[in-house]
Amino acid sequence: MEYNIFSEMVTGYKNILKKSKSQDYLDFDFFDKGIVFAVSDGHSNDFFKYSDRGAKIACNIAVGMLKDLADLDTKDLINMLEEKKNTNGNSIKMDGFS
C-alpha cells in the first residue's frame, strides 16, 4: 500500500509576536504495517526554554512505541493495558474491546 504524507509546521501568532520559534513537533515513520505518527504541542512559554526539545523527544518515543505496539496481537495489547495501573492505582478498563 502506498501512503502520501503532507505535513507543515507553522509558527503560531503568539510566537510570532515574541519573535520566537515554534516549540511544537511532528514525527512519523513508515513500516511494514503502515504508518505511525505523533504530534507534540510545546509550552510556547519563555520559562520552558527547552520545550522544543521535549516535544521532539516525546514524538520520537511515541512513534517507536506505537510501532512496537502495532506488532502485538489485539488480545495481547488489551491484556497488557489491563495489567497497567493508572496513577490512582485503579486498573484501566477496556470494556467493549475483544
Protein backbone atom coordinates (compact mmCIF):
# COMPACT_ATOMS: atom_id res chain seq x y z
CA MET A 1 0.00 0.00 0.00
CA GLU A 2 1.29 3.46 -0.83
CA TYR A 3 0.98 6.39 1.55
CA ASN A 4 1.47 10.08 0.96
CA ILE A 5 2.13 12.27 3.96
CA PHE A 6 1.82 16.02 3.86
CA SER A 7 2.99 17.95 6.87
CA GLU A 8 3.86 21.51 7.62
CA MET A 9 4.85 23.30 10.77
CA VAL A 10 3.89 26.93 11.19
CA THR A 11 4.80 29.37 13.91
CA GLY A 12 1.80 30.45 15.96
CA TYR A 13 0.69 34.02 16.42
CA LYS A 14 1.96 34.27 20.00
CA ASN A 15 5.42 33.10 18.96
CA ILE A 16 5.48 35.49 16.02
CA LEU A 17 4.78 38.40 18.39
CA LYS A 18 7.54 37.21 20.73
CA LYS A 19 9.88 36.62 17.77
CA SER A 20 10.45 33.07 18.93
CA LYS A 21 10.34 29.77 17.09
CA SER A 22 7.65 27.13 17.38
CA GLN A 23 8.14 24.60 20.17
CA ASP A 24 5.85 22.02 18.56
CA TYR A 25 6.98 18.87 16.80
CA LEU A 26 5.65 16.25 14.39
CA ASP A 27 7.21 12.87 13.68
CA PHE A 28 6.15 9.90 11.58
CA ASP A 29 7.57 6.68 10.24
CA PHE A 30 6.59 4.15 7.62
CA PHE A 31 6.92 0.47 8.43
CA ASP A 32 5.64 -2.87 7.15
CA LYS A 33 2.21 -2.50 8.80
CA GLY A 34 1.57 1.08 7.70
CA ILE A 35 2.49 4.39 9.21
CA VAL A 36 2.56 5.85 12.70
CA PHE A 37 2.72 9.50 13.64
CA ALA A 38 2.80 11.68 16.72
CA VAL A 39 2.33 15.39 17.36
CA SER A 40 3.54 17.23 20.43
CA ASP A 41 2.50 20.73 21.44
CA GLY A 42 5.29 22.63 23.18
CA HIS A 43 4.66 25.07 26.00
CA SER A 44 5.40 28.22 23.96
CA ASN A 45 6.48 29.91 27.14
CA ASP A 46 9.83 31.57 27.80
CA PHE A 47 10.11 29.77 31.15
CA PHE A 48 10.23 26.41 29.34
CA LYS A 49 13.22 27.19 27.13
CA TYR A 50 13.79 23.53 26.17
CA SER A 51 10.17 22.74 25.34
CA ASP A 52 11.04 22.26 21.66
CA ARG A 53 13.50 19.51 22.61
CA GLY A 54 10.94 17.87 24.89
CA ALA A 55 8.33 17.91 22.12
CA LYS A 56 10.79 16.23 19.74
CA ILE A 57 11.77 13.59 22.30
CA ALA A 58 8.10 12.88 23.09
CA CYS A 59 7.28 12.36 19.41
CA ASN A 60 10.31 10.17 18.75
CA ILE A 61 9.47 7.93 21.72
CA ALA A 62 5.78 7.78 20.82
CA VAL A 63 6.49 6.73 17.23
CA GLY A 64 8.83 3.97 18.40
CA MET A 65 6.36 2.71 20.98
CA LEU A 66 3.45 2.78 18.53
CA LYS A 67 5.45 0.70 16.07
CA ASP A 68 6.18 -1.83 18.83
CA LEU A 69 2.52 -1.93 19.88
CA ALA A 70 1.40 -2.48 16.28
CA ASP A 71 3.27 -5.78 16.32
CA LEU A 72 1.15 -7.09 19.20
CA ASP A 73 -1.95 -9.17 18.72
CA THR A 74 -5.09 -7.21 19.74
CA LYS A 75 -5.84 -9.50 22.69
CA ASP A 76 -2.24 -9.27 23.89
CA LEU A 77 -2.42 -5.49 23.71
CA ILE A 78 -5.67 -5.39 25.69
CA ASN A 79 -4.23 -7.75 28.32
CA MET A 80 -1.14 -5.58 28.61
CA LEU A 81 -3.21 -2.43 29.08
CA GLU A 82 -5.45 -4.06 31.67
CA GLU A 83 -2.40 -5.05 33.70
CA LYS A 84 -1.16 -1.48 33.87
CA LYS A 85 -2.22 0.67 36.77
CA ASN A 86 -3.15 4.31 36.41
CA THR A 87 -1.83 6.89 38.87
CA ASN A 88 -4.72 6.24 41.28
CA GLY A 89 -3.89 2.55 41.49
CA ASN A 90 -7.04 1.53 39.56
CA SER A 91 -6.91 -0.87 36.64
CA ILE A 92 -7.53 0.53 33.21
CA LYS A 93 -10.82 -0.87 31.92
CA MET A 94 -11.06 -1.84 28.27
CA ASP A 95 -14.77 -2.68 28.09
CA GLY A 96 -16.12 -3.16 24.59
CA PHE A 97 -12.85 -4.44 23.09
CA SER A 98 -12.29 -8.04 22.11
